[in-house]
Protein backbone atom coordinates (compact mmCIF):
# COMPACT_ATOMS: atom_id res chain seq x y z
CA MET A 1 0.00 0.00 0.00
CA ALA A 2 1.30 3.42 -0.90
CA ARG A 3 2.15 5.67 2.05
CA ASP A 4 0.02 8.80 2.60
CA ARG A 5 2.03 11.81 1.45
CA ARG A 6 0.91 13.71 4.59
CA THR A 7 2.38 11.06 6.88
CA PRO A 8 6.01 11.57 7.97
CA PRO A 9 8.49 8.75 7.28
CA SER A 10 9.01 6.19 10.02
CA ASP A 11 12.34 6.18 11.85
CA ALA A 12 13.45 6.40 15.47
CA ALA A 13 13.77 10.22 15.58
CA TRP A 14 10.41 10.73 13.90
CA GLU A 15 8.64 8.18 16.08
CA ARG A 16 9.90 9.89 19.25
CA ALA A 17 8.99 13.36 17.93
CA ILE A 18 5.48 12.25 16.92
CA ARG A 19 4.85 10.64 20.32
CA LEU A 20 5.84 13.88 22.05
CA PHE A 21 3.75 15.94 19.63
CA ARG A 22 0.64 13.87 20.21
CA ALA A 23 1.19 14.16 23.98
CA GLY A 24 1.65 17.92 23.67
CA LEU A 25 4.94 17.86 25.60
CA LEU A 26 7.41 20.74 25.27
CA GLU A 27 10.24 18.24 24.71
CA PHE A 28 8.83 17.84 21.20
CA VAL A 29 10.48 21.09 20.08
CA GLU A 30 14.00 19.80 20.71
CA ALA A 31 13.08 16.38 19.37
CA VAL A 32 11.83 17.73 16.03
CA ARG A 33 14.80 20.11 15.67
CA VAL A 34 17.21 17.16 15.38
CA VAL A 35 15.22 15.58 12.57
CA THR A 36 17.02 16.18 9.25
CA GLU A 37 14.58 14.50 6.79
CA ALA A 38 13.48 17.54 4.75
CA LYS A 39 10.65 15.87 2.81
CA GLY A 40 9.08 14.49 5.94
CA LEU A 41 9.27 17.91 7.60
CA ALA A 42 7.53 19.48 4.59
CA VAL A 43 4.68 16.98 4.88
CA PHE A 44 4.42 17.51 8.65
CA ALA A 45 4.06 21.31 8.31
CA GLU A 46 0.38 21.12 7.33
CA THR A 47 -0.38 18.56 10.02
CA TRP A 48 1.18 20.77 12.63
CA TYR A 49 -0.34 24.06 11.56
CA THR A 50 -3.86 22.74 11.12
CA ASP A 51 -3.87 20.98 14.49
CA THR A 52 -6.44 22.90 16.54
CA ARG A 53 -5.22 21.77 19.96
CA ILE A 54 -3.94 24.42 22.35
CA GLU A 55 -0.88 22.22 22.96
CA ALA A 56 -0.04 22.16 19.23
CA ARG A 57 -0.16 25.97 19.05
CA ARG A 58 1.99 26.25 22.18
CA LEU A 59 4.60 23.95 20.61
CA LEU A 60 4.51 25.94 17.36
CA ASN A 61 5.12 29.20 19.23
CA ALA A 62 8.03 27.64 21.11
CA TYR A 63 9.55 26.31 17.87
CA LEU A 64 9.35 29.67 16.11
CA GLU A 65 10.90 31.48 19.07
CA ARG A 66 14.03 29.35 18.74
CA PRO A 67 16.70 30.37 16.18
CA PHE A 68 16.00 29.32 12.61
CA ASN A 69 19.05 27.05 12.47
CA ALA A 70 17.65 23.53 12.70
CA VAL A 71 19.38 21.63 9.86
CA ARG A 72 17.25 20.81 6.76
CA HIS A 73 14.22 22.61 8.19
CA GLU A 74 13.88 25.05 5.27
CA PRO A 75 10.76 23.29 3.90
CA LEU A 76 9.08 23.24 7.31
CA VAL A 77 9.76 26.94 7.99
CA LYS A 78 8.66 28.00 4.48
CA ARG A 79 5.38 26.11 4.61
CA LEU A 80 4.53 27.26 8.12
CA PHE A 81 5.22 30.82 6.99
CA LYS A 82 2.91 30.50 3.98
CA PHE A 83 0.14 28.90 6.03
CA ALA A 84 0.27 31.73 8.60
CA ASP A 85 0.47 34.42 5.92
CA ASN A 86 -2.52 33.06 3.99
CA ALA A 87 -4.55 32.54 7.17
CA GLY A 88 -3.88 36.05 8.50
CA ASP A 89 -2.42 34.57 11.68
CA ASP A 90 -1.11 37.68 13.47
CA ALA A 91 0.48 35.86 16.42
CA ILE A 92 2.44 33.39 14.28
CA MET A 93 3.49 36.08 11.81
CA ALA A 94 4.78 38.15 14.74
CA ARG A 95 7.10 35.29 15.61
CA PHE A 96 8.25 35.01 12.00
CA LEU A 97 8.93 38.75 11.95
CA VAL A 98 11.17 38.49 15.02
CA GLY A 99 12.80 35.24 13.89
CA PHE A 100 13.76 36.54 10.44
CA ASP A 101 15.00 39.83 11.96
CA ARG A 102 17.34 37.78 14.15
CA SER A 103 18.68 35.74 11.24
CA LEU A 104 20.72 38.59 9.71
CA ARG A 105 23.53 40.31 11.59
CA ARG A 106 25.93 42.68 9.88
CA GLN A 107 29.43 43.57 11.03
CA MET A 108 31.63 46.63 10.99
CA THR A 109 34.94 45.95 9.27
CA THR A 110 37.92 47.83 7.87
CA ARG A 111 38.29 47.99 4.10
CA LYS A 112 41.59 48.83 2.40
CA ARG A 113 41.85 50.45 -1.01
CA TRP A 114 44.98 51.38 -2.93
CA ASN A 115 45.29 55.08 -3.57
CA ALA A 116 47.30 55.39 -6.77
CA ARG A 117 47.67 59.14 -6.40
CA ASN A 118 49.20 59.00 -2.92
CA ARG A 119 50.70 55.54 -3.48
CA GLU A 120 49.41 54.23 -0.16
CA TRP A 121 46.53 52.19 1.26
CA ASP A 122 43.42 54.07 2.42
CA GLU A 123 41.42 52.49 5.25
CA SER A 124 37.70 53.04 5.88
CA GLN A 125 35.04 51.50 8.12
CA VAL A 126 32.28 49.73 6.22
CA ILE A 127 29.27 47.62 7.14
CA VAL A 128 29.19 44.15 5.58
CA THR A 129 26.91 41.12 5.80
CA PRO A 130 28.92 37.91 6.29
CA HIS A 131 28.09 35.29 3.66
CA ASP A 132 29.34 32.30 5.67
CA THR A 133 26.34 32.16 8.02
CA ALA A 134 24.22 29.72 6.00
CA LEU A 135 24.06 25.99 6.77
CA THR A 136 25.69 23.71 4.19
CA LYS A 137 23.60 21.57 1.83
CA ASP A 138 25.87 18.52 1.82
CA ASP A 139 23.35 15.77 2.68
CA ARG A 140 25.94 13.14 3.62
CA PHE A 141 27.71 15.50 5.98
CA LEU A 142 24.51 16.79 7.63
CA THR A 143 23.17 13.32 8.38
CA GLY A 144 26.45 11.68 9.35
CA ALA A 145 27.33 10.41 12.82
CA TRP A 146 30.05 13.04 13.39
CA PHE A 147 27.63 15.89 12.65
CA GLN A 148 25.00 14.48 14.99
CA GLN A 149 27.55 14.44 17.83
CA ASN A 150 28.84 17.96 17.09
CA ARG A 151 25.60 19.62 15.99
CA ASP A 152 25.60 22.52 18.47
CA ARG A 153 29.16 23.57 17.63
CA PHE A 154 28.53 23.29 13.91
CA ILE A 155 25.35 25.38 13.74
CA GLN A 156 26.48 28.11 16.12
CA GLY A 157 26.06 31.46 14.35
CA LYS A 158 24.52 29.82 11.24
CA TYR A 159 20.94 30.01 9.95
CA LEU A 160 18.66 28.47 7.37
CA PHE A 161 18.55 29.90 3.83
CA SER A 162 21.08 32.06 2.03
CA VAL A 163 21.67 35.68 3.05
CA SER A 164 19.64 37.00 0.12
CA THR A 165 16.72 34.67 0.94
CA ARG A 166 16.76 35.68 4.59
CA ASN A 167 16.77 39.33 3.55
CA TYR A 168 13.74 38.66 1.36
CA LEU A 169 11.89 36.74 4.07
CA ARG A 170 12.26 39.46 6.69
CA ARG A 171 10.93 42.01 4.18
CA ARG A 172 8.08 39.65 3.36
CA ALA A 173 7.25 39.29 7.08
CA TRP A 174 7.21 43.05 7.55
CA ARG A 175 5.04 43.47 4.45
CA TYR A 176 2.34 41.43 6.20
CA PHE A 177 2.16 43.96 9.07
CA ARG A 178 2.40 46.95 6.76
CA ARG A 179 -0.65 45.70 4.85
CA LEU A 180 -2.34 45.00 8.18
CA GLY A 181 -1.90 48.61 9.22
CA ARG A 182 -3.44 49.84 6.00
CA LYS A 183 -6.29 47.37 5.53
CA SER A 184 -7.06 46.25 9.10
CA PRO A 185 -5.93 49.10 11.35
CA ASP A 186 -7.92 47.77 14.32
CA ARG A 187 -5.64 44.70 14.41
CA TYR A 188 -2.31 46.41 13.75
CA ILE A 189 -1.38 47.66 17.26
CA SER A 190 -2.22 44.41 19.03
CA ALA A 191 -0.43 42.38 16.33
CA VAL A 192 2.85 44.31 16.41
CA SER A 193 2.70 44.48 20.23
CA VAL A 194 3.05 40.68 20.25
CA ALA A 195 6.21 41.00 18.18
CA LEU A 196 7.61 43.86 20.27
CA LYS A 197 7.33 41.74 23.40
CA LEU A 198 9.37 38.96 21.78
CA TYR A 199 12.49 41.01 21.03
CA THR A 200 15.20 40.78 23.70
CA ASP A 201 18.25 42.80 24.68
CA GLY A 202 20.35 40.27 22.76
CA ASP A 203 18.62 41.39 19.56
CA THR A 204 19.81 44.97 20.10
CA ALA A 205 23.23 44.44 21.65
CA ASP A 206 24.57 47.63 20.03
CA GLY A 207 23.55 50.30 17.56
CA LEU A 208 24.19 48.14 14.52
CA GLY A 209 22.33 45.27 16.17
CA LEU A 210 19.29 47.53 16.59
CA LEU A 211 19.35 48.53 12.91
CA ASP A 212 19.61 44.88 11.82
CA ASN A 213 16.01 44.35 12.98
CA TRP A 214 14.23 45.41 9.79
CA GLY A 215 10.69 45.07 11.10
CA LEU A 216 11.41 46.47 14.56
CA VAL A 217 12.89 49.69 13.18
CA HIS A 218 9.92 50.14 10.86
CA ILE A 219 7.52 49.79 13.78
CA LEU A 220 9.34 52.24 16.05
CA PHE A 221 11.29 54.66 13.82
CA HIS A 222 9.93 54.37 10.27
CA HIS A 223 9.65 58.15 9.70
CA SER A 224 12.78 59.16 11.62
CA PRO A 225 15.08 61.44 9.58
CA THR A 226 18.01 59.93 11.47
CA LEU A 227 17.73 56.62 9.56
CA GLU A 228 17.71 55.52 5.94
CA ALA A 229 16.26 52.26 4.55
CA ARG A 230 18.64 50.57 2.12
CA PRO A 231 18.32 47.22 0.29
CA ALA A 232 20.93 45.72 2.64
CA GLY A 233 19.22 47.11 5.75
CA TRP A 234 18.80 50.25 7.82
CA ARG A 235 21.64 52.75 8.04
CA VAL A 236 22.24 56.00 9.89
CA ALA A 237 21.69 59.04 7.68
CA SER A 238 24.75 61.05 6.70
CA ASN A 239 23.79 63.94 8.99
CA GLY A 240 22.39 61.85 11.88
CA THR A 241 23.51 59.84 14.90
CA LEU A 242 21.78 57.15 16.91
CA ALA A 243 22.01 59.38 19.98
CA ARG A 244 19.49 61.70 18.31
CA LEU A 245 17.07 58.90 17.41
CA GLN A 246 13.54 59.74 18.59
CA PRO A 247 10.26 57.78 18.40
CA ASP A 248 8.68 58.26 14.98
CA PRO A 249 6.64 55.12 14.22
CA ILE A 250 4.84 54.08 11.10
CA PHE A 251 1.04 54.39 11.51
CA ARG A 252 1.54 57.02 14.20
CA LYS A 253 -2.17 57.84 14.32
CA LEU A 254 -2.96 54.25 15.30
CA TRP A 255 -0.55 54.47 18.24
CA LEU A 256 -2.09 57.75 19.37
CA ARG A 257 -5.58 56.30 19.73
CA SER A 258 -4.88 55.03 23.26
CA PRO A 259 -1.97 55.08 25.73
CA GLU A 260 -2.62 51.58 27.05
CA PRO A 261 -0.75 49.54 24.39
CA ILE A 262 2.26 51.83 24.81
CA PHE A 263 2.04 51.68 28.60
CA ASP A 264 1.85 47.88 28.40
CA LEU A 265 5.20 47.82 26.57
CA ILE A 266 6.93 49.58 29.47
CA THR A 267 6.44 46.57 31.71
CA GLY A 268 5.94 43.86 29.08
CA ALA A 269 8.82 44.44 26.66
CA ARG A 270 12.05 42.49 27.18
CA CYS A 271 14.17 44.85 25.09
CA ARG A 272 15.62 48.14 26.41
CA PRO A 273 15.19 50.24 23.21
CA ILE A 274 11.50 49.29 23.09
CA ARG A 275 10.97 50.25 26.74
CA LEU A 276 12.72 53.58 26.18
CA TRP A 277 10.63 54.17 23.07
CA ALA A 278 7.44 53.53 25.03
CA ILE A 279 8.51 55.85 27.86
CA GLN A 280 9.33 58.66 25.43
CA MET A 281 6.02 58.17 23.59
CA LEU A 282 4.07 58.40 26.84
CA LYS A 283 5.93 61.50 28.02
CA ARG A 284 5.38 63.21 24.69
CA HIS A 285 1.81 62.21 23.86
CA PHE A 286 0.17 60.85 27.05
CA PRO A 287 1.76 62.54 30.10
CA ASP A 288 -1.51 62.23 32.03
CA ARG A 289 -1.26 58.43 31.91
CA LEU A 290 1.89 58.51 34.01
CA THR A 291 0.22 60.67 36.65
CA LYS A 292 -2.34 57.92 37.30
CA LEU A 293 0.33 55.66 38.76
CA THR A 294 -0.01 55.11 42.50
CA ILE A 295 2.81 55.38 45.00
CA GLU A 296 2.72 51.61 45.41
CA ASP A 297 3.15 51.19 41.63
CA LEU A 298 6.20 53.44 41.67
CA LEU A 299 7.75 51.69 44.67
CA THR A 300 7.24 48.34 42.94
CA TRP A 301 8.99 49.71 39.85
CA LEU A 302 11.90 50.85 42.03
CA GLU A 303 12.35 47.24 43.16
CA SER A 304 12.18 45.93 39.59
CA PRO A 305 15.35 44.54 37.96
CA VAL A 306 14.58 46.69 34.88
CA PRO A 307 16.74 49.87 34.94
CA GLU A 308 14.31 51.90 32.81
CA LEU A 309 11.49 51.28 35.29
CA ASN A 310 13.79 52.29 38.16
CA ASP A 311 14.71 55.57 36.48
CA LEU A 312 11.13 56.42 35.53
CA ALA A 313 9.81 55.63 39.01
CA ALA A 314 12.51 57.71 40.70
CA GLU A 315 11.70 60.62 38.39
CA LEU A 316 7.94 60.40 38.99
CA LEU A 317 8.32 60.05 42.77
CA GLU A 318 9.71 63.56 42.96
CA THR A 319 6.39 64.99 41.77
CA VAL A 320 3.78 62.85 43.57
CA ALA A 321 2.14 63.65 46.89
CA GLY A 322 1.95 61.43 49.94
CA LEU A 323 5.56 60.31 50.18
CA ASP A 324 5.55 61.22 53.88
CA THR A 325 3.20 58.27 54.45
CA ILE A 326 5.74 55.69 53.28
CA PRO A 327 7.09 53.71 56.28
CA VAL A 328 10.76 54.18 57.08
CA GLY A 329 11.34 50.44 56.79
CA ARG A 330 10.11 50.50 53.20
CA TRP A 331 12.48 53.34 52.32
CA LEU A 332 15.43 51.49 53.84
CA LYS A 333 14.51 48.29 52.02
CA LEU A 334 14.35 50.20 48.74
CA ILE A 335 17.80 51.74 49.02
CA GLU A 336 19.38 48.41 49.96
CA SER A 337 18.49 46.95 46.55
CA ALA A 338 18.46 50.13 44.45
CA ARG A 339 20.85 50.62 41.53
CA THR A 340 23.77 52.96 42.10
CA GLU A 341 22.53 55.31 39.37
CA ILE A 342 19.32 56.18 41.26
CA LEU A 343 20.67 56.01 44.81
CA ASP A 344 21.45 59.71 44.92
CA ARG A 345 17.91 60.63 43.89
CA LEU A 346 16.35 58.17 46.35
CA CYS A 347 18.50 59.35 49.24
CA GLY A 348 17.50 62.92 48.44
CA LEU A 349 13.83 61.93 48.74
CA ILE A 350 14.48 60.23 52.07
CA MET A 351 16.20 63.33 53.44
CA ARG A 352 13.12 65.36 52.48
CA PHE A 353 10.49 63.08 53.96
CA VAL A 354 12.19 61.10 56.75
CA LYS A 355 13.12 62.74 60.05
CA PRO A 356 16.24 61.60 61.96
CA ASP A 357 14.18 60.54 64.99
CA GLN A 358 12.31 58.06 62.75
CA VAL A 359 15.54 56.13 62.14
CA SER A 360 17.24 54.14 64.88
CA PHE A 361 20.83 54.81 65.88
CA ALA A 362 21.93 51.40 64.55
CA GLU A 363 20.21 51.99 61.18
CA ALA A 364 21.90 55.40 60.81
CA ILE A 365 25.31 53.87 61.58
CA LYS A 366 24.69 51.08 59.06
CA LEU A 367 23.96 53.63 56.35
CA ALA A 368 26.93 55.82 57.29
CA ILE A 369 29.49 53.00 56.94
CA ALA A 370 28.10 51.81 53.57
CA ARG A 371 30.30 52.00 50.48
CA PRO A 372 28.01 54.00 48.11
CA ILE A 373 28.53 57.68 48.81
CA PRO A 374 24.81 58.60 48.59
CA LEU A 375 24.02 56.05 51.31
CA ALA A 376 26.90 57.22 53.49
CA ARG A 377 25.86 60.84 53.03
CA LEU A 378 22.29 59.96 54.05
CA GLY A 379 23.56 58.09 57.10
CA GLN A 380 25.72 61.05 58.07
CA ALA A 381 22.75 63.43 57.81
CA LEU A 382 20.56 61.15 59.94
CA LEU A 383 23.35 60.55 62.46
CA THR A 384 24.50 64.13 63.04
CA PRO A 385 21.71 65.20 65.45
CA LYS A 386 21.84 61.92 67.39
CA ARG A 387 23.88 61.05 70.49
CA PRO A 388 24.81 57.56 71.74
CA GLU A 389 22.97 56.68 74.92
CA THR A 390 23.64 52.99 75.54
CA ALA A 391 26.76 50.84 75.66
CA ASN A 392 25.77 49.20 72.36
CA GLU A 393 25.38 52.58 70.68
CA ILE A 394 28.80 53.69 71.96
CA ARG A 395 30.37 50.56 70.50
CA ALA A 396 28.55 51.23 67.24
CA VAL A 397 30.14 54.70 67.04
CA PHE A 398 33.61 53.14 66.89
CA GLY A 399 32.47 51.31 63.75
CA LEU A 400 32.67 54.61 61.86
CA ARG A 401 36.44 54.21 61.65
CA GLU A 402 35.79 51.46 59.06
CA ALA A 403 33.37 53.55 56.97
CA GLU A 404 33.76 52.45 53.33
CA ALA A 405 32.92 55.80 51.70
CA GLU A 406 36.44 57.22 51.80
CA PRO A 407 35.58 60.88 51.04
CA LEU A 408 33.13 61.00 53.97
CA ARG A 409 35.10 58.91 56.46
CA PRO A 410 37.13 61.76 58.06
CA GLY A 411 33.97 63.77 58.70
CA LEU A 412 32.23 60.78 60.24
CA VAL A 413 35.20 60.06 62.51
CA LYS A 414 35.41 63.72 63.54
CA TRP A 415 31.75 63.59 64.56
CA ALA A 416 32.44 60.40 66.51
CA CYS A 417 35.31 62.05 68.40
CA GLU A 418 33.17 65.05 69.29
CA VAL A 419 30.21 63.07 70.65
CA LEU A 420 32.42 60.59 72.51
CA GLY A 421 34.37 63.41 74.17
CA ARG A 422 31.15 64.89 75.57
CA LEU A 423 29.94 61.69 77.21
CA PRO A 424 30.08 61.53 81.04
CA GLU A 425 31.47 58.00 80.82
CA PHE A 426 34.35 59.09 78.57
CA GLN A 427 37.47 56.88 78.78
CA PRO A 428 40.90 58.15 77.63
CA VAL A 429 41.71 54.87 75.85
CA TRP A 430 38.90 55.58 73.37
CA VAL A 431 41.38 57.81 71.54
CA LEU A 432 43.46 54.72 70.77
CA GLU A 433 40.55 53.16 68.84
CA PHE A 434 41.18 55.73 66.13
CA LEU A 435 44.97 56.02 66.44
CA ASP A 436 45.32 52.26 65.96
CA CYS A 437 43.08 52.21 62.86
CA ARG A 438 44.43 50.90 59.56
CA HIS A 439 43.21 53.97 57.64
CA PRO A 440 45.63 56.97 57.64
CA ASP A 441 42.81 59.51 57.43
CA VAL A 442 41.24 58.07 60.57
CA ARG A 443 44.58 58.23 62.42
CA GLU A 444 44.89 61.86 61.29
CA VAL A 445 41.59 62.76 62.95
CA GLY A 446 42.46 60.65 65.99
CA TRP A 447 45.76 62.48 66.41
CA ALA A 448 43.99 65.84 66.24
CA TRP A 449 41.61 64.60 68.93
CA LEU A 450 44.55 63.59 71.13
CA GLN A 451 45.99 67.09 70.91
CA THR A 452 42.75 68.66 72.15
CA GLU A 453 41.68 65.97 74.63
CA GLU A 454 43.68 66.64 77.81
CA ARG A 455 42.27 63.63 79.64
CA ALA A 456 43.77 61.31 77.05
CA ARG A 457 47.01 63.26 76.69
CA GLU A 458 47.70 62.97 80.44
CA SER A 459 46.88 59.25 80.67
CA ALA A 460 49.89 57.01 81.33
CA LEU A 461 48.02 54.05 79.81
CA VAL A 462 47.43 55.99 76.59
CA TRP A 463 51.13 56.90 76.34
CA GLN A 464 52.20 53.34 76.96
CA ARG A 465 49.93 52.09 74.21
CA LEU A 466 51.07 54.86 71.87
CA LEU A 467 54.71 53.83 72.34
CA GLU A 468 53.72 50.37 71.06
CA SER A 469 51.98 51.74 67.94
CA PRO A 470 52.76 49.83 64.72
CA HIS A 471 52.10 52.89 62.53
CA ASP A 472 55.04 55.05 61.41
CA ASP A 473 53.08 58.29 61.24
CA VAL A 474 52.01 57.89 64.88
CA ARG A 475 55.53 57.01 66.12
CA ILE A 476 57.13 59.94 64.29
CA ARG A 477 54.63 62.40 65.71
CA LEU A 478 55.06 60.85 69.12
CA VAL A 479 58.73 61.81 69.07
CA GLY A 480 57.66 65.43 68.69
CA MET A 481 55.31 65.11 71.63
CA LEU A 482 58.11 63.60 73.72
CA GLU A 483 60.27 66.59 72.75
CA ASP A 484 57.63 68.92 74.16
CA ARG A 485 57.19 66.88 77.31
CA ALA A 486 60.94 66.65 77.82
CA LYS A 487 60.86 70.32 78.81
CA GLU A 488 59.03 69.24 81.94
CA PRO A 489 61.44 68.00 84.67
CA GLY A 490 61.52 64.22 84.91
CA ALA A 491 58.89 63.78 82.20
CA LEU A 492 60.69 61.06 80.22
CA GLU A 493 61.66 59.16 83.34
CA ALA A 494 58.01 58.37 83.90
CA PHE A 495 57.88 56.18 80.80
CA SER A 496 59.06 52.60 80.48
CA PRO A 497 62.73 52.55 79.31
CA ALA A 498 62.06 49.58 77.03
CA LEU A 499 59.14 51.28 75.28
CA VAL A 500 61.02 54.56 74.87
CA ARG A 501 63.99 52.72 73.36
CA PHE A 502 61.64 50.88 71.02
CA LEU A 503 60.17 54.19 69.84
CA TRP A 504 63.58 55.76 69.24
CA ALA A 505 64.95 52.73 67.42
CA SER A 506 61.90 52.38 65.18
CA VAL A 507 62.08 56.04 64.11
CA LEU A 508 65.82 55.88 63.42
CA LEU A 509 65.55 52.68 61.41
CA ASN A 510 62.74 54.07 59.25
CA ILE A 511 64.52 54.74 55.95
CA HIS A 512 61.75 56.55 54.12
CA ARG A 513 60.14 58.61 56.87
CA GLY A 514 60.95 60.50 60.05
CA GLY A 515 63.84 62.64 58.80
CA ARG A 516 62.68 65.67 60.75
CA ALA A 517 62.16 63.65 63.92
CA LYS A 518 65.62 62.09 64.03
CA PRO A 519 67.40 65.17 65.50
CA PHE A 520 64.83 65.14 68.29
CA VAL A 521 65.65 61.50 68.95
CA VAL A 522 69.37 62.32 69.30
CA ARG A 523 68.65 65.09 71.77
CA GLN A 524 66.22 62.96 73.77
CA ILE A 525 68.66 60.06 74.03
CA MET A 526 71.49 62.29 75.17
CA ASP A 527 69.22 63.92 77.77
CA ARG A 528 68.22 60.51 79.10
CA LEU A 529 71.83 59.37 79.26
CA GLY A 530 72.59 62.44 81.34
CA HIS A 531 69.95 61.39 83.87
CA ARG A 532 70.24 57.59 83.48
CA PRO A 533 73.95 56.71 82.95
CA ASP A 534 73.20 53.12 83.98
CA GLU A 535 71.30 52.70 80.66
CA ALA A 536 74.43 53.46 78.63
CA SER A 537 74.86 49.90 77.42
CA ASP A 538 71.32 50.02 75.97
CA LEU A 539 71.26 53.57 74.68
CA LEU A 540 74.77 54.04 73.22
CA PRO A 541 74.11 51.60 70.30
CA ILE A 542 71.03 53.66 69.46
CA VAL A 543 73.16 56.83 69.64
CA ALA A 544 75.58 55.25 67.15
CA VAL A 545 72.73 54.71 64.69
CA ALA A 546 71.33 58.16 65.39
CA LEU A 547 74.57 60.02 64.68
CA ARG A 548 74.93 58.21 61.37
CA SER A 549 71.37 59.24 60.46
CA VAL A 550 71.74 63.03 60.93
CA ARG A 551 73.95 65.70 59.45
CA GLY A 552 75.20 69.22 60.23
CA PRO A 553 74.53 70.88 63.59
CA GLU A 554 72.63 67.86 64.96
CA PHE A 555 75.64 65.63 64.24
CA ARG A 556 78.05 68.04 65.95
CA ALA A 557 75.69 68.46 68.89
CA GLY A 558 75.56 64.69 69.29
CA LEU A 559 79.34 64.39 69.33
CA ALA A 560 79.55 67.19 71.88
CA GLY A 561 76.99 65.39 73.99
CA LEU A 562 79.04 62.18 73.88
CA ALA A 563 82.19 64.07 74.90
CA GLY A 564 80.30 65.70 77.79
CA PHE A 565 78.93 62.30 78.83
CA VAL A 566 82.45 60.78 78.99
CA THR A 567 83.71 63.80 80.95
CA ARG A 568 80.85 63.46 83.40
CA TYR A 569 80.96 59.67 83.64
CA PRO A 570 84.56 58.55 82.84
CA GLN A 571 83.76 54.96 83.85
CA HIS A 572 81.79 54.60 80.57
CA ARG A 573 84.73 55.76 78.37
CA PRO A 574 85.57 52.22 77.14
CA LEU A 575 81.95 51.68 76.14
CA VAL A 576 81.91 54.93 74.15
CA GLU A 577 85.24 54.17 72.42
CA SER A 578 84.09 50.69 71.40
CA GLY A 579 80.81 52.03 70.01
CA PHE A 580 82.48 54.98 68.22
CA PRO A 581 85.97 53.89 67.05
CA GLU A 582 86.20 56.92 64.73
CA LEU A 583 85.81 59.25 67.74
CA LYS A 584 89.17 60.31 69.27
CA LEU A 585 88.72 61.31 72.90
CA ALA A 586 91.39 63.41 74.64
């Protein structure tokens, strides 16, 4: 018996695909895409398209939303296209419009031409359409075992049909919607809206990628003077730039009948240029539609992962009433997830409508130590009128030394020093929390606080801890403070000899810093030797290093001090001569 021409051939791949098709399972799409029997696919096209089941239509939509690069599927795609075109099937034709737009991608390349007059090569940037993107027609290769195992790698970047045929098909798909706008205007907006919601950001990766979508550009920018339609595709006009591209759609009057289809694209489109187009259309032609949005709508848009919705919501929030009714917790939740680009605007709104007493001390500290500058600035504004009242809040204040917004960190630390210094339970060692910090700008503010805070400056515990500081800038400044205190009788004797020696040695051994402090070290050591001759064995080696680290008057003063020390304490002469062999004592 002869086989029915409308029945696909029987093999393992077909049998599996047909079982999945009859069951209406989504796995059918991948199963049919690996079938390479072109004649069987051509026969199956009518069976598939005329199937009235909802499952069959769902599978057809899923198939057409995949790239048109399933090997040997040209007959299936052609017949499905003709069936949909003849039937006036707007939804299926929308998928063909998007699919054929995706099948052509041009490239910018450099072309060289020989300039006989200048006898050199001239280079220019040109747009070309690669001709190596079509699948091969070698039947043996396409159906062989090696191809079946390497199918994905082989078809990457390749499509059905030749470049010229694809160019024709995308024009043919757009022609369907152009005729629809002229003959059935009531269907046009809803039909193209289906297509507009199918485009993705990947279809408009750059400016050239946007122009490669023949139908999309017609829908959105058909009358724009910035663009020109050429046989090979859209191009930017000689006197235009894409930055100046404004909405100028074909069938503009149909779009201006109602704002709702345009508004629907703002939230429903998956492609950034389409969302921006819809926003600009609404602002220009239907500004009242945007004023109908509720505060809850705008807050929901702020939490959306779509940047265009975030920007529009932040802009509209500045003009709506009732923002003072938004709970503080909702504001704080919004800024935690907000994009950096709108943080500044959001924080400005919070400063206008949220009072400092509505935010807890811990929440203000958390904002102040955040990395984004708008958040840190907001935290600083909310924190300034507050004062720590509990032990936990006092501990939280010290966290400002690790504030991540570097430009604001010194100001935050200065505020911390001021409020801590006014507390009745002030402790001198609090100064060390800032002087021991890893950030130089924090140590700078902490040092300034030490100079003005007498209770800390007179604390023996603070001095002892300062002498152990691991930071060069603190140790070098500490030498200067010791120089000032040395004017007080017996001041240096109050400090631990070991710690003082450590300070002097660390400053002298610092190669890159402390040059101005080294003469002070020489003077301080000689003064201590005069009062503590029993420390000569410990201090004279430091003097030897010190004298080799200074020049001029300080060097001569050091030698004079050594000579005076030997005169005063002759029993230490051998120790001096062994430490300074170049020094000839009378």
